Every structure is written in structure tokens, then in C-alpha cells.
Amino acid sequence: MRGLNLKRNELFSYTTLEQRIPNDHPLRPLHELVDAVLASMDR
């Protein structure tokens, strides 16, 4: 590779997964249910 590399792709993303998934996504209620079940299994 010779010469200048003018392409600048961002290597890291500083947004959370929660910010990327829409609030009305159909799996969000399931996520809340699974969190509640797992929390009840915690000692």
C-alpha cells in the first residue's frame, strides 16, 4: 500500500445497543420479561 489512505472509517462506535434498537421493537417486552425472570433466580 503506497500513497495516502484518504478513507477514514470509524473503528469504534460510542453508542450503546439500547440507543440502536427502536423503542417499539417487538423484542423489547421479551427483554424485560427475561430480565425479570433472571433477577428472580438470583440469590
C-alpha atoms as a PDB file:
ATOM      1  CA  MET A   1       0.000   0.000   0.000  1.00  0.00           C
ATOM      2  CA  ARG A   2       1.614   3.148  -1.156  1.00  0.00           C
ATOM      3  CA  GLY A   3       0.374   6.674  -1.056  1.00  0.00           C
ATOM      4  CA  LEU A   4      -2.168   8.335   1.153  1.00  0.00           C
ATOM      5  CA  ASN A   5      -5.117   6.434   2.505  1.00  0.00           C
ATOM      6  CA  LEU A   6      -7.863   9.040   2.422  1.00  0.00           C
ATOM      7  CA  LYS A   7     -10.645   6.727   3.554  1.00  0.00           C
ATOM      8  CA  ARG A   8     -11.476   7.251   7.195  1.00  0.00           C
ATOM      9  CA  ASN A   9     -13.772   4.585   8.570  1.00  0.00           C
ATOM     10  CA  GLU A  10     -14.570   4.856  12.216  1.00  0.00           C
ATOM     11  CA  LEU A  11     -13.196   1.882  14.116  1.00  0.00           C
ATOM     12  CA  PHE A  12     -15.264   2.318  17.255  1.00  0.00           C
ATOM     13  CA  SER A  13     -18.870   3.179  17.888  1.00  0.00           C
ATOM     14  CA  TYR A  14     -19.678   5.106  21.036  1.00  0.00           C
ATOM     15  CA  THR A  15     -23.402   4.417  21.106  1.00  0.00           C
ATOM     16  CA  THR A  16     -25.000   1.768  23.247  1.00  0.00           C
ATOM     17  CA  LEU A  17     -27.015  -1.110  21.924  1.00  0.00           C
ATOM     18  CA  GLU A  18     -30.062   0.386  23.645  1.00  0.00           C
ATOM     19  CA  GLN A  19     -29.682   3.514  21.508  1.00  0.00           C
ATOM     20  CA  ARG A  20     -29.551   1.492  18.304  1.00  0.00           C
ATOM     21  CA  ILE A  21     -32.732  -0.538  18.891  1.00  0.00           C
ATOM     22  CA  PRO A  22     -36.018   1.340  18.430  1.00  0.00           C
ATOM     23  CA  ASN A  23     -38.274   1.695  21.466  1.00  0.00           C
ATOM     24  CA  ASP A  24     -41.127  -0.016  19.636  1.00  0.00           C
ATOM     25  CA  HIS A  25     -39.099  -3.081  18.631  1.00  0.00           C
ATOM     26  CA  PRO A  26     -41.129  -6.278  19.214  1.00  0.00           C
ATOM     27  CA  LEU A  27     -38.402  -7.939  21.301  1.00  0.00           C
ATOM     28  CA  ARG A  28     -38.222  -5.191  23.923  1.00  0.00           C
ATOM     29  CA  PRO A  29     -41.085  -6.612  26.048  1.00  0.00           C
ATOM     30  CA  LEU A  30     -39.436 -10.034  25.900  1.00  0.00           C
ATOM     31  CA  HIS A  31     -36.175  -8.498  27.072  1.00  0.00           C
ATOM     32  CA  GLU A  32     -37.923  -7.017  30.107  1.00  0.00           C
ATOM     33  CA  LEU A  33     -39.582 -10.360  30.884  1.00  0.00           C
ATOM     34  CA  VAL A  34     -36.301 -12.263  30.659  1.00  0.00           C
ATOM     35  CA  ASP A  35     -34.579  -9.692  32.872  1.00  0.00           C
ATOM     36  CA  ALA A  36     -37.309 -10.116  35.490  1.00  0.00           C
ATOM     37  CA  VAL A  37     -37.098 -13.923  35.391  1.00  0.00           C
ATOM     38  CA  LEU A  38     -33.321 -13.909  35.679  1.00  0.00           C
ATOM     39  CA  ALA A  39     -33.461 -11.396  38.547  1.00  0.00           C
ATOM     40  CA  SER A  40     -35.886 -13.663  40.436  1.00  0.00           C
ATOM     41  CA  MET A  41     -33.465 -16.576  40.050  1.00  0.00           C
ATOM     42  CA  ASP A  42     -30.602 -14.581  41.566  1.00  0.00           C
ATOM     43  CA  ARG A  43     -29.918 -15.406  45.196  1.00  0.00           C
END
